[in-house]
Amino acid sequence: MRSRIDYPLTLSLLVACSFFAACGADDAPAQAFHAPLEASTSGTDADWVLVFADEFDGSAIDAAKWTPFEGDPRHKSTINTTSRSLAAVRDGSMFVSAIPTPEDAAFPYATGYVDTRGLFAQTYGKIEFRARCMYAPGVWYALWGRSWKNLVPEIDLEFLAENINQAWLVNHWGVPPVPADQRRGFTTVDGLDITKFHTYTIVWKHDLIEWAIDGKPFRRVTDPAHIPQEPMFWVMNAWVGGWGGIPGPSTIFPASIEVDHLRISRLREWTTPAVIQIDQPKATYARSGAIDVELADFDALARVEVWDGDSLVETLTKPPFRFAPKALAPAAHKLTFVGTDGSRTATTVLDVVIE
């Protein structure tokens, strides 16, 4: 499992203390759950093709779909580390949880955090997420998409576990020192009960982001400057502290968000090229090391061919696409990585020394 400690942290990490300042131009007043926006402009089911789905019907996390965090990456001003054990599949759901860890005085809680980075990324899509959240003052939960290259953009669903009658629909497109109202926007939906199952849907196109709950739209962004135009992967996690406050006597642990399913579809007609990249490329790799390759905007069953000059060295058939260069002689090599799903192809070249 790749280390995540050196991975750039979420924009929210940088802005936790100021996130909920005055709203920007894209922000709408709080929407009442009984009074959604006018009818959806996101299209029909015929516009979409399912490409990623997890119904959580097994007994363990699917390692071809999710990577769990372990250790230190945490949100600014929160008081938790992360633990692989706190994202678990059972009874047809994924449970992403928070628990006390009183032996750590500085960070007395641990939480679950999983993402699809290196396993699935896509530009545009329809993301359907069915979940419910436990009441737990001091805890908050999120499903969010983020750029596979940069700190932003983000597209978020957030739940403050103390306020069980509210959901936050959020997007970020800038970072500090840009003022808060010029780098992110949000809408709150009031009057639903997040402890009950709801289906949350995000439709993301080149000219639209639309958030809906149980099929009813509540936030719509059309400003092209605020809409991501690059591949994103998806994250599910819990946090303790920070914006969520501090757990108190009424907080019962473990506190969990229970996810019944996550389904992601692509537009029926591709509007973006397929993409391949090397994760954190280096000039030199040990023969005992590994080169991690990431794909975006491919259909399922994509594979990666690894070429050394004119010679095919290996075909990687399923994510995570990790090439071990132990078969290569210690020397300089020009490696070509070709991603393909049978109809779409992308190529990247890595000039590298194998030691």
Protein backbone atom coordinates (compact mmCIF):
# COMPACT_ATOMS: atom_id res chain seq x y z
CA MET A 1 0.00 0.00 0.00
CA ARG A 2 1.42 3.37 -1.01
CA SER A 3 2.25 5.86 1.72
CA ARG A 4 -0.20 8.74 1.91
CA ILE A 5 1.73 10.98 4.29
CA ASP A 6 3.33 13.01 1.47
CA TYR A 7 0.06 13.41 -0.38
CA PRO A 8 -1.24 17.02 -0.56
CA LEU A 9 -4.06 17.59 1.91
CA THR A 10 -7.51 18.90 1.12
CA LEU A 11 -8.19 22.59 0.63
CA SER A 12 -10.41 22.35 3.66
CA LEU A 13 -7.30 21.65 5.69
CA LEU A 14 -6.09 25.14 4.88
CA VAL A 15 -9.30 27.02 5.49
CA ALA A 16 -11.14 25.24 8.30
CA CYS A 17 -11.25 28.27 10.55
CA SER A 18 -12.58 30.66 7.88
CA PHE A 19 -14.58 28.34 5.62
CA PHE A 20 -17.98 29.50 6.74
CA ALA A 21 -17.43 33.23 6.36
CA ALA A 22 -19.58 35.33 4.04
CA CYS A 23 -20.84 33.48 0.97
CA GLY A 24 -19.55 34.16 -2.52
CA ALA A 25 -21.37 34.99 -5.73
CA ASP A 26 -22.31 31.38 -6.40
CA ASP A 27 -23.90 30.93 -2.97
CA ALA A 28 -27.66 30.71 -2.60
CA PRO A 29 -29.62 31.25 0.60
CA ALA A 30 -30.25 28.14 2.67
CA GLN A 31 -32.68 25.90 0.83
CA ALA A 32 -35.56 24.26 2.69
CA PHE A 33 -35.86 20.55 2.01
CA HIS A 34 -39.54 20.98 1.20
CA ALA A 35 -38.77 23.77 -1.31
CA PRO A 36 -36.16 22.62 -3.86
CA LEU A 37 -35.03 24.52 -6.93
CA GLU A 38 -36.95 24.31 -10.17
CA ALA A 39 -36.77 21.05 -12.09
CA SER A 40 -33.34 19.55 -12.68
CA THR A 41 -31.35 20.66 -15.70
CA SER A 42 -28.96 17.72 -15.42
CA GLY A 43 -30.42 15.51 -18.16
CA THR A 44 -31.93 12.02 -18.07
CA ASP A 45 -30.65 8.57 -17.21
CA ALA A 46 -30.20 7.93 -20.94
CA ASP A 47 -27.33 10.46 -20.93
CA TRP A 48 -25.21 8.32 -18.58
CA VAL A 49 -23.23 5.05 -18.56
CA LEU A 50 -22.33 3.43 -15.21
CA VAL A 51 -18.56 3.05 -14.85
CA PHE A 52 -17.92 2.71 -11.09
CA ALA A 53 -20.16 1.13 -8.49
CA ASP A 54 -19.74 -0.23 -5.00
CA GLU A 55 -22.81 -1.71 -3.33
CA PHE A 56 -20.71 -2.84 -0.32
CA ASP A 57 -22.18 -6.32 -0.42
CA GLY A 58 -18.99 -8.11 0.61
CA SER A 59 -17.22 -8.49 3.93
CA ALA A 60 -14.20 -6.26 3.27
CA ILE A 61 -13.20 -3.10 1.44
CA ASP A 62 -12.65 -3.73 -2.28
CA ALA A 63 -8.95 -2.91 -2.75
CA ALA A 64 -9.50 -2.38 -6.48
CA LYS A 65 -11.83 0.53 -5.64
CA TRP A 66 -10.69 2.08 -2.35
CA THR A 67 -7.46 2.87 -0.54
CA PRO A 68 -7.78 3.55 3.21
CA PHE A 69 -5.57 6.07 5.00
CA GLU A 70 -3.47 5.19 7.99
CA GLY A 71 -1.66 7.69 10.19
CA ASP A 72 -1.22 11.40 10.13
CA PRO A 73 -2.96 13.23 7.23
CA ARG A 74 -5.58 15.28 9.02
CA HIS A 75 -7.65 18.41 8.69
CA LYS A 76 -6.37 21.64 10.17
CA SER A 77 -7.75 22.22 13.67
CA THR A 78 -9.26 18.74 13.92
CA ILE A 79 -8.10 16.42 16.67
CA ASN A 80 -7.90 13.07 14.88
CA THR A 81 -5.49 10.84 13.09
CA THR A 82 -6.74 8.16 10.66
CA SER A 83 -7.00 4.38 10.89
CA ARG A 84 -7.65 1.76 8.20
CA SER A 85 -9.74 -0.16 10.70
CA LEU A 86 -12.30 2.65 10.86
CA ALA A 87 -13.48 2.17 7.29
CA ALA A 88 -15.18 -1.23 7.19
CA VAL A 89 -17.71 -3.11 5.08
CA ARG A 90 -20.43 -5.13 6.77
CA ASP A 91 -24.15 -5.80 6.45
CA GLY A 92 -24.30 -4.33 2.95
CA SER A 93 -22.79 -0.94 3.85
CA MET A 94 -19.51 0.87 4.25
CA PHE A 95 -19.13 2.34 7.74
CA VAL A 96 -16.69 5.24 8.06
CA SER A 97 -16.30 5.88 11.76
CA ALA A 98 -14.68 7.91 14.50
CA ILE A 99 -13.55 6.61 17.91
CA PRO A 100 -11.71 8.01 20.95
CA THR A 101 -7.98 7.27 21.28
CA PRO A 102 -7.28 8.73 24.73
CA GLU A 103 -3.73 7.39 24.77
CA ASP A 104 -2.81 10.18 22.31
CA ALA A 105 -3.13 13.45 24.22
CA ALA A 106 -2.56 15.64 21.16
CA PHE A 107 -4.97 13.78 18.84
CA PRO A 108 -7.38 11.87 21.08
CA TYR A 109 -9.55 10.50 18.23
CA ALA A 110 -9.08 8.35 15.14
CA THR A 111 -11.27 8.31 12.06
CA GLY A 112 -11.79 6.46 8.81
CA TYR A 113 -10.75 7.90 5.45
CA VAL A 114 -10.84 6.13 2.06
CA ASP A 115 -10.37 7.35 -1.49
CA THR A 116 -10.24 6.16 -5.10
CA ARG A 117 -6.97 7.86 -6.03
CA GLY A 118 -4.94 5.66 -8.38
CA LEU A 119 -7.95 3.38 -8.75
CA PHE A 120 -10.60 5.59 -10.37
CA ALA A 121 -10.64 9.16 -11.63
CA GLN A 122 -12.86 10.87 -14.17
CA THR A 123 -13.69 14.24 -15.69
CA TYR A 124 -17.42 14.99 -15.35
CA GLY A 125 -19.93 12.44 -14.15
CA LYS A 126 -23.04 11.63 -12.20
CA ILE A 127 -22.22 10.65 -8.64
CA GLU A 128 -24.94 8.92 -6.60
CA PHE A 129 -24.35 8.41 -2.90
CA ARG A 130 -26.90 6.84 -0.53
CA ALA A 131 -26.05 7.32 3.13
CA ARG A 132 -27.13 8.19 6.64
CA CYS A 133 -25.17 9.83 9.44
CA MET A 134 -25.15 9.22 13.18
CA TYR A 135 -25.84 12.11 15.51
CA ALA A 136 -22.50 12.84 17.16
CA PRO A 137 -21.62 16.37 18.39
CA GLY A 138 -17.98 17.10 17.54
CA VAL A 139 -17.93 14.83 14.46
CA TRP A 140 -18.51 15.65 10.79
CA TYR A 141 -18.64 13.50 7.68
CA ALA A 142 -17.97 14.10 3.99
CA LEU A 143 -18.08 12.69 0.48
CA TRP A 144 -15.98 14.81 -1.84
CA GLY A 145 -14.23 14.80 -5.15
CA ARG A 146 -10.88 16.45 -5.70
CA SER A 147 -8.39 17.03 -8.46
CA TRP A 148 -5.89 14.23 -9.04
CA LYS A 149 -3.18 16.85 -9.78
CA ASN A 150 -3.79 19.91 -7.62
CA LEU A 151 -5.06 21.04 -4.23
CA VAL A 152 -8.29 22.26 -5.81
CA PRO A 153 -10.89 22.05 -7.27
CA GLU A 154 -13.22 20.16 -4.93
CA ILE A 155 -16.88 19.15 -5.11
CA ASP A 156 -18.26 18.29 -1.66
CA LEU A 157 -21.13 16.93 0.38
CA GLU A 158 -20.62 17.63 4.09
CA PHE A 159 -22.60 16.73 7.20
CA LEU A 160 -22.16 18.33 10.60
CA ALA A 161 -23.18 15.51 12.90
CA GLU A 162 -24.51 17.79 15.63
CA ASN A 163 -27.02 19.40 13.26
CA ILE A 164 -28.87 16.38 11.92
CA ASN A 165 -31.34 18.52 9.98
CA GLN A 166 -28.84 20.05 7.57
CA ALA A 167 -26.58 19.09 4.65
CA TRP A 168 -23.87 21.26 3.08
CA LEU A 169 -23.39 21.37 -0.71
CA VAL A 170 -19.98 22.90 -1.38
CA ASN A 171 -17.44 23.56 -4.10
CA HIS A 172 -13.93 25.04 -3.94
CA TRP A 173 -11.99 26.54 -6.84
CA GLY A 174 -9.27 28.62 -5.16
CA VAL A 175 -6.90 28.64 -2.19
CA PRO A 176 -5.75 31.19 0.38
CA PRO A 177 -4.74 33.99 0.38
CA VAL A 178 -7.67 34.51 -2.00
CA PRO A 179 -10.58 35.72 0.19
CA ALA A 180 -13.01 32.99 1.21
CA ASP A 181 -15.93 34.40 -0.77
CA GLN A 182 -13.79 34.34 -3.94
CA ARG A 183 -12.55 30.76 -3.69
CA ARG A 184 -15.52 28.67 -2.61
CA GLY A 185 -19.29 28.57 -2.49
CA PHE A 186 -21.92 26.57 -0.63
CA THR A 187 -25.61 26.05 -0.04
CA THR A 188 -27.13 24.49 3.05
CA VAL A 189 -30.26 22.35 2.86
CA ASP A 190 -32.35 22.54 6.01
CA GLY A 191 -35.19 20.39 7.22
CA LEU A 192 -34.05 16.90 6.24
CA ASP A 193 -33.02 14.24 8.74
CA ILE A 194 -29.50 13.06 7.90
CA THR A 195 -29.84 10.13 10.34
CA LYS A 196 -32.22 8.61 7.77
CA PHE A 197 -31.07 7.27 4.42
CA HIS A 198 -31.13 9.80 1.60
CA THR A 199 -29.77 9.60 -1.93
CA TYR A 200 -27.41 12.48 -2.66
CA THR A 201 -26.59 13.09 -6.33
CA ILE A 202 -23.99 15.35 -7.93
CA VAL A 203 -24.21 15.94 -11.68
CA TRP A 204 -21.03 17.47 -13.07
CA LYS A 205 -20.73 18.60 -16.67
CA HIS A 206 -18.47 21.10 -18.43
CA ASP A 207 -21.03 23.86 -17.83
CA LEU A 208 -22.83 22.67 -14.69
CA ILE A 209 -22.55 21.28 -11.18
CA GLU A 210 -25.90 20.34 -9.67
CA TRP A 211 -26.49 18.81 -6.24
CA ALA A 212 -29.75 16.96 -5.55
CA ILE A 213 -31.20 15.09 -2.57
CA ASP A 214 -33.71 12.31 -3.21
CA GLY A 215 -33.99 13.52 -6.79
CA LYS A 216 -34.71 17.16 -5.91
CA PRO A 217 -32.11 19.81 -6.91
CA PHE A 218 -30.90 22.25 -4.25
CA ARG A 219 -27.71 23.85 -5.60
CA ARG A 220 -26.65 24.68 -9.12
CA VAL A 221 -23.37 26.24 -10.29
CA THR A 222 -23.01 27.48 -13.88
CA ASP A 223 -20.10 29.93 -13.66
CA PRO A 224 -17.38 28.29 -15.82
CA ALA A 225 -14.66 29.67 -13.55
CA HIS A 226 -16.07 27.58 -10.68
CA ILE A 227 -16.57 24.27 -12.51
CA PRO A 228 -13.72 21.71 -12.59
CA GLN A 229 -12.46 20.75 -16.04
CA GLU A 230 -10.02 18.02 -15.00
CA PRO A 231 -10.11 14.48 -13.59
CA MET A 232 -11.20 14.01 -9.99
CA PHE A 233 -11.14 11.09 -7.60
CA TRP A 234 -13.53 10.55 -4.67
CA VAL A 235 -13.13 10.48 -0.90
CA MET A 236 -15.30 9.36 2.02
CA ASN A 237 -14.25 10.27 5.55
CA ALA A 238 -15.10 11.40 9.06
CA TRP A 239 -13.45 14.20 11.04
CA VAL A 240 -13.46 15.11 14.73
CA GLY A 241 -13.08 18.66 16.02
CA GLY A 242 -12.44 21.78 13.97
CA TRP A 243 -15.65 23.00 12.37
CA GLY A 244 -17.47 20.16 14.12
CA GLY A 245 -16.67 21.42 17.60
CA ILE A 246 -15.54 19.12 20.41
CA PRO A 247 -17.26 15.85 21.36
CA GLY A 248 -19.21 16.03 24.59
CA PRO A 249 -21.24 13.82 26.92
CA SER A 250 -23.96 13.26 24.30
CA THR A 251 -21.49 11.95 21.69
CA ILE A 252 -21.70 8.19 21.43
CA PHE A 253 -18.79 6.34 19.82
CA PRO A 254 -18.17 4.81 17.43
CA ALA A 255 -19.83 7.56 15.40
CA SER A 256 -20.34 6.59 11.77
CA ILE A 257 -21.57 7.56 8.39
CA GLU A 258 -23.18 4.47 6.83
CA VAL A 259 -22.94 4.35 3.03
CA ASP A 260 -25.32 2.02 1.24
CA HIS A 261 -23.80 2.56 -2.18
CA LEU A 262 -21.69 4.85 -4.35
CA ARG A 263 -22.30 4.83 -8.11
CA ILE A 264 -20.52 6.98 -10.68
CA SER A 265 -21.55 7.27 -14.31
CA ARG A 266 -19.91 8.96 -17.27
CA LEU A 267 -21.54 10.87 -20.06
CA ARG A 268 -22.63 8.49 -22.81
CA GLU A 269 -20.46 10.36 -25.30
CA TRP A 270 -16.93 11.07 -24.09
CA THR A 271 -16.12 14.78 -24.26
CA THR A 272 -12.59 14.55 -22.82
CA PRO A 273 -9.47 12.61 -23.83
CA ALA A 274 -8.26 9.66 -21.80
CA VAL A 275 -5.34 10.53 -19.52
CA ILE A 276 -2.43 8.63 -17.96
CA GLN A 277 0.09 9.94 -15.45
CA ILE A 278 2.90 8.73 -13.20
CA ASP A 279 2.21 9.40 -9.55
CA GLN A 280 5.03 11.52 -8.13
CA PRO A 281 7.56 10.61 -10.84
CA LYS A 282 11.23 10.40 -9.92
CA ALA A 283 14.43 10.41 -11.97
CA THR A 284 15.73 7.30 -10.21
CA TYR A 285 14.02 4.15 -8.92
CA ALA A 286 15.46 1.16 -7.11
CA ARG A 287 14.87 -2.24 -8.72
CA SER A 288 13.09 -3.13 -5.46
CA GLY A 289 10.83 -0.10 -5.73
CA ALA A 290 7.64 0.59 -7.68
CA ILE A 291 6.31 3.07 -10.22
CA ASP A 292 2.65 3.96 -9.63
CA VAL A 293 0.58 4.72 -12.73
CA GLU A 294 -2.81 6.43 -12.69
CA LEU A 295 -5.54 6.49 -15.35
CA ALA A 296 -8.48 8.84 -15.82
CA ASP A 297 -11.43 8.91 -18.22
CA PHE A 298 -11.24 5.26 -19.18
CA ASP A 299 -13.96 2.65 -19.07
CA ALA A 300 -13.79 -0.36 -16.76
CA LEU A 301 -11.26 -3.11 -17.49
CA ALA A 302 -8.61 -0.63 -18.65
CA ARG A 303 -5.04 -1.89 -18.54
CA VAL A 304 -1.54 -0.44 -18.69
CA GLU A 305 1.20 -1.71 -21.00
CA VAL A 306 4.77 -0.98 -19.92
CA TRP A 307 7.31 -0.71 -22.75
CA ASP A 308 11.09 -0.42 -22.43
CA GLY A 309 12.02 0.99 -25.80
CA ASP A 310 10.45 -1.40 -28.33
CA SER A 311 10.02 -4.25 -25.85
CA LEU A 312 6.80 -4.93 -23.96
CA VAL A 313 7.90 -5.57 -20.39
CA GLU A 314 4.59 -6.13 -18.61
CA THR A 315 0.85 -5.57 -18.87
CA LEU A 316 -0.83 -4.36 -15.68
CA THR A 317 -4.41 -5.59 -15.79
CA LYS A 318 -6.13 -4.01 -12.79
CA PRO A 319 -5.72 -1.09 -10.43
CA PRO A 320 -3.70 -0.12 -8.57
CA PHE A 321 -1.37 -0.06 -11.57
CA ARG A 322 2.01 -0.56 -9.93
CA PHE A 323 5.04 -1.47 -12.04
CA ALA A 324 7.93 -3.16 -10.22
CA PRO A 325 11.13 -2.54 -12.23
CA LYS A 326 12.96 -5.55 -10.81
CA ALA A 327 13.14 -7.13 -14.27
CA LEU A 328 15.02 -4.14 -15.71
CA ALA A 329 18.80 -3.96 -15.77
CA PRO A 330 20.44 -1.23 -13.68
CA ALA A 331 20.80 1.50 -16.33
CA ALA A 332 19.01 4.41 -17.94
CA HIS A 333 15.67 3.49 -19.53
CA LYS A 334 12.99 5.22 -21.56
CA LEU A 335 9.78 3.65 -20.30
CA THR A 336 6.51 4.16 -22.15
CA PHE A 337 3.26 3.55 -20.30
CA VAL A 338 0.21 2.96 -22.50
CA GLY A 339 -3.26 2.96 -20.96
CA THR A 340 -6.08 1.42 -22.97
CA ASP A 341 -9.58 0.09 -22.49
CA GLY A 342 -9.85 -1.28 -26.03
CA SER A 343 -11.27 1.88 -27.57
CA ARG A 344 -9.40 4.76 -25.88
CA THR A 345 -5.65 5.08 -25.44
CA ALA A 346 -3.29 7.44 -23.60
CA THR A 347 0.50 7.39 -23.36
CA THR A 348 3.16 8.87 -21.11
CA VAL A 349 6.95 8.48 -21.18
CA LEU A 350 9.30 8.34 -18.20
CA ASP A 351 13.05 8.76 -18.64
CA VAL A 352 14.44 7.01 -15.61
CA VAL A 353 17.53 5.43 -14.10
CA ILE A 354 17.02 2.03 -12.49
CA GLU A 355 19.49 1.27 -9.73
